[in-house]
């Protein structure tokens, strides 16, 4: 029996605190992630998991 491992990375639905835009981001981004509407940084890259500055609404699989 082959056991599949679950991926450690996920996508997140994040709400911008400045303009309330909801946007899907990767939880391990290579660079800072900006809101597509107002340009506010909603997640900072840390070299691993992101430091999310917006509100995480849901984890997507």
PDB file of N, CA and C in Angstrom:
ATOM      1  N   UNK A   1       0.839  -1.183   0.000  1.00  0.00           N
ATOM      2  CA  UNK A   1       0.000   0.000   0.000  1.00  0.00           C
ATOM      3  C   UNK A   1       0.884   1.247   0.000  1.00  0.00           C
ATOM      4  N   UNK A   2       0.623   2.168  -0.909  1.00  0.00           N
ATOM      5  CA  UNK A   2       1.386   3.402  -1.023  1.00  0.00           C
ATOM      6  C   UNK A   2       0.651   4.512  -0.278  1.00  0.00           C
ATOM      7  N   UNK A   3       1.370   5.172   0.623  1.00  0.00           N
ATOM      8  CA  UNK A   3       0.784   6.268   1.395  1.00  0.00           C
ATOM      9  C   UNK A   3       1.257   7.582   0.790  1.00  0.00           C
ATOM     10  N   UNK A   4       0.315   8.409   0.355  1.00  0.00           N
ATOM     11  CA  UNK A   4       0.658   9.716  -0.201  1.00  0.00           C
ATOM     12  C   UNK A   4       0.813  10.728   0.925  1.00  0.00           C
ATOM     13  N   UNK A   5       1.864  11.529   0.824  1.00  0.00           N
ATOM     14  CA  UNK A   5       2.072  12.586   1.801  1.00  0.00           C
ATOM     15  C   UNK A   5       1.254  13.804   1.408  1.00  0.00           C
ATOM     16  N   UNK A   6       0.742  14.491   2.402  1.00  0.00           N
ATOM     17  CA  UNK A   6       0.025  15.740   2.137  1.00  0.00           C
ATOM     18  C   UNK A   6       1.040  16.853   1.911  1.00  0.00           C
ATOM     19  N   UNK A   7       0.757  17.744   0.998  1.00  0.00           N
ATOM     20  CA  UNK A   7       1.687  18.868   0.800  1.00  0.00           C
ATOM     21  C   UNK A   7       1.713  19.769   2.032  1.00  0.00           C
ATOM     22  N   UNK A   8       2.876  20.314   2.320  1.00  0.00           N
ATOM     23  CA  UNK A   8       3.028  21.182   3.496  1.00  0.00           C
ATOM     24  C   UNK A   8       2.632  22.620   3.206  1.00  0.00           C
ATOM     25  N   UNK A   9       2.591  22.976   1.937  1.00  0.00           N
ATOM     26  CA  UNK A   9       2.236  24.339   1.572  1.00  0.00           C
ATOM     27  C   UNK A   9       0.769  24.416   1.165  1.00  0.00           C
ATOM     28  N   UNK A  10       0.187  25.582   1.355  1.00  0.00           N
ATOM     29  CA  UNK A  10      -1.236  25.779   1.071  1.00  0.00           C
ATOM     30  C   UNK A  10      -1.448  27.152   0.448  1.00  0.00           C
ATOM     31  N   UNK A  11      -2.641  27.338  -0.059  1.00  0.00           N
ATOM     32  CA  UNK A  11      -3.071  28.655  -0.506  1.00  0.00           C
ATOM     33  C   UNK A  11      -3.996  29.210   0.566  1.00  0.00           C
ATOM     34  N   UNK A  12      -3.969  30.515   0.729  1.00  0.00           N
ATOM     35  CA  UNK A  12      -4.775  31.182   1.748  1.00  0.00           C
ATOM     36  C   UNK A  12      -5.654  32.246   1.109  1.00  0.00           C
ATOM     37  N   UNK A  13      -6.876  32.354   1.596  1.00  0.00           N
ATOM     38  CA  UNK A  13      -7.750  33.456   1.214  1.00  0.00           C
ATOM     39  C   UNK A  13      -7.545  34.528   2.279  1.00  0.00           C
ATOM     40  N   UNK A  14      -7.010  35.677   1.864  1.00  0.00           N
ATOM     41  CA  UNK A  14      -6.638  36.740   2.804  1.00  0.00           C
ATOM     42  C   UNK A  14      -7.401  38.010   2.468  1.00  0.00           C
ATOM     43  N   UNK A  15      -7.868  38.708   3.507  1.00  0.00           N
ATOM     44  CA  UNK A  15      -8.570  39.988   3.332  1.00  0.00           C
ATOM     45  C   UNK A  15      -7.626  41.117   3.695  1.00  0.00           C
ATOM     46  N   UNK A  16      -7.511  42.089   2.790  1.00  0.00           N
ATOM     47  CA  UNK A  16      -6.686  43.273   3.020  1.00  0.00           C
ATOM     48  C   UNK A  16      -7.341  44.118   4.123  1.00  0.00           C
ATOM     49  N   UNK A  17      -6.544  44.549   5.082  1.00  0.00           N
ATOM     50  CA  UNK A  17      -7.080  45.357   6.184  1.00  0.00           C
ATOM     51  C   UNK A  17      -7.402  46.785   5.751  1.00  0.00           C
ATOM     52  N   UNK A  18      -6.755  47.242   4.669  1.00  0.00           N
ATOM     53  CA  UNK A  18      -6.953  48.632   4.222  1.00  0.00           C
ATOM     54  C   UNK A  18      -8.223  48.787   3.377  1.00  0.00           C
ATOM     55  N   UNK A  19      -8.432  47.879   2.388  1.00  0.00           N
ATOM     56  CA  UNK A  19      -9.558  48.066   1.459  1.00  0.00           C
ATOM     57  C   UNK A  19     -10.565  46.911   1.468  1.00  0.00           C
ATOM     58  N   UNK A  20     -10.335  45.892   2.297  1.00  0.00           N
ATOM     59  CA  UNK A  20     -11.223  44.726   2.438  1.00  0.00           C
ATOM     60  C   UNK A  20     -11.288  43.840   1.195  1.00  0.00           C
ATOM     61  N   UNK A  21     -10.341  44.001   0.264  1.00  0.00           N
ATOM     62  CA  UNK A  21     -10.274  43.112  -0.896  1.00  0.00           C
ATOM     63  C   UNK A  21      -9.853  41.717  -0.441  1.00  0.00           C
ATOM     64  N   UNK A  22     -10.518  40.678  -0.964  1.00  0.00           N
ATOM     65  CA  UNK A  22     -10.151  39.300  -0.663  1.00  0.00           C
ATOM     66  C   UNK A  22      -9.332  38.756  -1.817  1.00  0.00           C
ATOM     67  N   UNK A  23      -8.226  38.091  -1.477  1.00  0.00           N
ATOM     68  CA  UNK A  23      -7.274  37.649  -2.483  1.00  0.00           C
ATOM     69  C   UNK A  23      -6.663  36.320  -2.054  1.00  0.00           C
ATOM     70  N   UNK A  24      -6.395  35.447  -3.018  1.00  0.00           N
ATOM     71  CA  UNK A  24      -5.767  34.162  -2.746  1.00  0.00           C
ATOM     72  C   UNK A  24      -4.258  34.321  -2.891  1.00  0.00           C
ATOM     73  N   UNK A  25      -3.523  33.883  -1.848  1.00  0.00           N
ATOM     74  CA  UNK A  25      -2.063  33.954  -1.881  1.00  0.00           C
ATOM     75  C   UNK A  25      -1.480  32.592  -1.498  1.00  0.00           C
ATOM     76  N   UNK A  26      -0.203  32.386  -1.834  1.00  0.00           N
ATOM     77  CA  UNK A  26       0.532  31.190  -1.457  1.00  0.00           C
ATOM     78  C   UNK A  26       1.097  31.430  -0.064  1.00  0.00           C
ATOM     79  N   UNK A  27       1.102  30.397   0.804  1.00  0.00           N
ATOM     80  CA  UNK A  27       1.553  30.629   2.171  1.00  0.00           C
ATOM     81  C   UNK A  27       3.075  30.637   2.314  1.00  0.00           C
ATOM     82  N   UNK A  28       3.812  30.315   1.234  1.00  0.00           N
ATOM     83  CA  UNK A  28       5.277  30.381   1.257  1.00  0.00           C
ATOM     84  C   UNK A  28       5.762  31.172   0.041  1.00  0.00           C
ATOM     85  N   UNK A  29       5.483  32.472   0.007  1.00  0.00           N
ATOM     86  CA  UNK A  29       5.845  33.277  -1.176  1.00  0.00           C
ATOM     87  C   UNK A  29       7.341  33.574  -1.236  1.00  0.00           C
ATOM     88  N   UNK A  30       7.844  33.767  -2.446  1.00  0.00           N
ATOM     89  CA  UNK A  30       9.257  34.102  -2.649  1.00  0.00           C
ATOM     90  C   UNK A  30       9.522  35.576  -2.361  1.00  0.00           C
ATOM     91  N   UNK A  31       8.491  36.413  -2.443  1.00  0.00           N
ATOM     92  CA  UNK A  31       8.624  37.842  -2.177  1.00  0.00           C
ATOM     93  C   UNK A  31       7.392  38.361  -1.477  1.00  0.00           C
ATOM     94  N   UNK A  32       7.406  39.637  -1.128  1.00  0.00           N
ATOM     95  CA  UNK A  32       6.249  40.231  -0.470  1.00  0.00           C
ATOM     96  C   UNK A  32       5.047  40.220  -1.417  1.00  0.00           C
ATOM     97  N   UNK A  33       3.857  40.040  -0.853  1.00  0.00           N
ATOM     98  CA  UNK A  33       2.618  39.992  -1.641  1.00  0.00           C
ATOM     99  C   UNK A  33       1.829  41.262  -1.367  1.00  0.00           C
ATOM    100  N   UNK A  34       1.443  41.947  -2.447  1.00  0.00           N
ATOM    101  CA  UNK A  34       0.676  43.188  -2.320  1.00  0.00           C
ATOM    102  C   UNK A  34      -0.777  42.950  -2.715  1.00  0.00           C
ATOM    103  N   UNK A  35      -1.662  43.738  -2.130  1.00  0.00           N
ATOM    104  CA  UNK A  35      -3.072  43.734  -2.503  1.00  0.00           C
ATOM    105  C   UNK A  35      -3.176  44.205  -3.952  1.00  0.00           C
ATOM    106  N   UNK A  36      -3.984  43.520  -4.737  1.00  0.00           N
ATOM    107  CA  UNK A  36      -4.142  43.862  -6.143  1.00  0.00           C
ATOM    108  C   UNK A  36      -4.974  45.125  -6.354  1.00  0.00           C
ATOM    109  N   UNK A  37      -5.713  45.566  -5.334  1.00  0.00           N
ATOM    110  CA  UNK A  37      -6.564  46.743  -5.462  1.00  0.00           C
ATOM    111  C   UNK A  37      -5.843  48.015  -4.984  1.00  0.00           C
ATOM    112  N   UNK A  38      -5.317  47.986  -3.757  1.00  0.00           N
ATOM    113  CA  UNK A  38      -4.748  49.209  -3.185  1.00  0.00           C
ATOM    114  C   UNK A  38      -3.223  49.200  -3.080  1.00  0.00           C
ATOM    115  N   UNK A  39      -2.574  48.057  -3.266  1.00  0.00           N
ATOM    116  CA  UNK A  39      -1.123  47.985  -3.225  1.00  0.00           C
ATOM    117  C   UNK A  39      -0.522  47.779  -1.843  1.00  0.00           C
ATOM    118  N   UNK A  40      -1.347  47.674  -0.819  1.00  0.00           N
ATOM    119  CA  UNK A  40      -0.870  47.437   0.549  1.00  0.00           C
ATOM    120  C   UNK A  40      -0.214  46.054   0.627  1.00  0.00           C
ATOM    121  N   UNK A  41       0.878  45.924   1.384  1.00  0.00           N
ATOM    122  CA  UNK A  41       1.521  44.620   1.572  1.00  0.00           C
ATOM    123  C   UNK A  41       0.641  43.799   2.510  1.00  0.00           C
ATOM    124  N   UNK A  42       0.177  42.626   2.027  1.00  0.00           N
ATOM    125  CA  UNK A  42      -0.691  41.782   2.857  1.00  0.00           C
ATOM    126  C   UNK A  42       0.033  40.551   3.391  1.00  0.00           C
ATOM    127  N   UNK A  43       1.230  40.262   2.839  1.00  0.00           N
ATOM    128  CA  UNK A  43       2.043  39.153   3.347  1.00  0.00           C
ATOM    129  C   UNK A  43       3.512  39.441   3.062  1.00  0.00           C
ATOM    130  N   UNK A  44       4.346  39.243   4.082  1.00  0.00           N
ATOM    131  CA  UNK A  44       5.786  39.456   3.932  1.00  0.00           C
ATOM    132  C   UNK A  44       6.484  38.110   3.842  1.00  0.00           C
ATOM    133  N   UNK A  45       7.437  38.013   2.919  1.00  0.00           N
ATOM    134  CA  UNK A  45       8.236  36.804   2.759  1.00  0.00           C
ATOM    135  C   UNK A  45       9.244  36.723   3.896  1.00  0.00           C
ATOM    136  N   UNK A  46       9.405  35.517   4.457  1.00  0.00           N
ATOM    137  CA  UNK A  46      10.357  35.323   5.556  1.00  0.00           C
ATOM    138  C   UNK A  46      11.384  34.249   5.213  1.00  0.00           C
ATOM    139  N   UNK A  47      11.320  33.714   3.993  1.00  0.00           N
ATOM    140  CA  UNK A  47      12.192  32.612   3.613  1.00  0.00           C
ATOM    141  C   UNK A  47      11.543  31.268   3.868  1.00  0.00           C
ATOM    142  N   UNK A  48      10.377  31.276   4.458  1.00  0.00           N
ATOM    143  CA  UNK A  48       9.593  30.075   4.735  1.00  0.00           C
ATOM    144  C   UNK A  48       8.134  30.470   4.652  1.00  0.00           C
ATOM    145  N   UNK A  49       7.396  30.185   5.716  1.00  0.00           N
ATOM    146  CA  UNK A  49       5.996  30.608   5.735  1.00  0.00           C
ATOM    147  C   UNK A  49       5.907  32.125   5.818  1.00  0.00           C
ATOM    148  N   UNK A  50       4.906  32.662   5.151  1.00  0.00           N
ATOM    149  CA  UNK A  50       4.735  34.111   5.094  1.00  0.00           C
ATOM    150  C   UNK A  50       4.243  34.661   6.434  1.00  0.00           C
ATOM    151  N   UNK A  51       4.619  35.897   6.698  1.00  0.00           N
ATOM    152  CA  UNK A  51       4.049  36.646   7.817  1.00  0.00           C
ATOM    153  C   UNK A  51       2.849  37.384   7.235  1.00  0.00           C
ATOM    154  N   UNK A  52       1.660  36.877   7.500  1.00  0.00           N
ATOM    155  CA  UNK A  52       0.447  37.436   6.904  1.00  0.00           C
ATOM    156  C   UNK A  52       0.016  38.658   7.700  1.00  0.00           C
ATOM    157  N   UNK A  53      -0.093  39.795   7.005  1.00  0.00           N
ATOM    158  CA  UNK A  53      -0.467  41.056   7.648  1.00  0.00           C
ATOM    159  C   UNK A  53      -1.960  41.330   7.517  1.00  0.00           C
ATOM    160  N   UNK A  54      -2.614  40.656   6.567  1.00  0.00           N
ATOM    161  CA  UNK A  54      -4.059  40.776   6.408  1.00  0.00           C
ATOM    162  C   UNK A  54      -4.758  39.755   7.287  1.00  0.00           C
ATOM    163  N   UNK A  55      -6.050  39.637   7.104  1.00  0.00           N
ATOM    164  CA  UNK A  55      -6.849  38.676   7.874  1.00  0.00           C
ATOM    165  C   UNK A  55      -7.008  37.389   7.072  1.00  0.00           C
ATOM    166  N   UNK A  56      -6.573  36.253   7.641  1.00  0.00           N
ATOM    167  CA  UNK A  56      -6.740  34.964   6.966  1.00  0.00           C
ATOM    168  C   UNK A  56      -8.190  34.535   7.128  1.00  0.00           C
ATOM    169  N   UNK A  57      -8.882  34.391   6.009  1.00  0.00           N
ATOM    170  CA  UNK A  57     -10.287  34.003   6.028  1.00  0.00           C
ATOM    171  C   UNK A  57     -10.424  32.485   5.977  1.00  0.00           C
ATOM    172  N   UNK A  58      -9.630  31.864   5.091  1.00  0.00           N
ATOM    173  CA  UNK A  58      -9.761  30.423   4.906  1.00  0.00           C
ATOM    174  C   UNK A  58      -8.471  29.848   4.335  1.00  0.00           C
ATOM    175  N   UNK A  59      -8.150  28.594   4.717  1.00  0.00           N
ATOM    176  CA  UNK A  59      -7.063  27.849   4.090  1.00  0.00           C
ATOM    177  C   UNK A  59      -7.650  26.996   2.990  1.00  0.00           C
ATOM    178  N   UNK A  60      -7.077  27.074   1.803  1.00  0.00           N
ATOM    179  CA  UNK A  60      -7.561  26.304   0.660  1.00  0.00           C
ATOM    180  C   UNK A  60      -6.628  25.126   0.413  1.00  0.00           C
ATOM    181  N   UNK A  61      -7.182  24.051  -0.133  1.00  0.00           N
ATOM    182  CA  UNK A  61      -6.359  22.869  -0.408  1.00  0.00           C
ATOM    183  C   UNK A  61      -6.237  22.626  -1.876  1.00  0.00           C
TER     184      UNK A  61
END
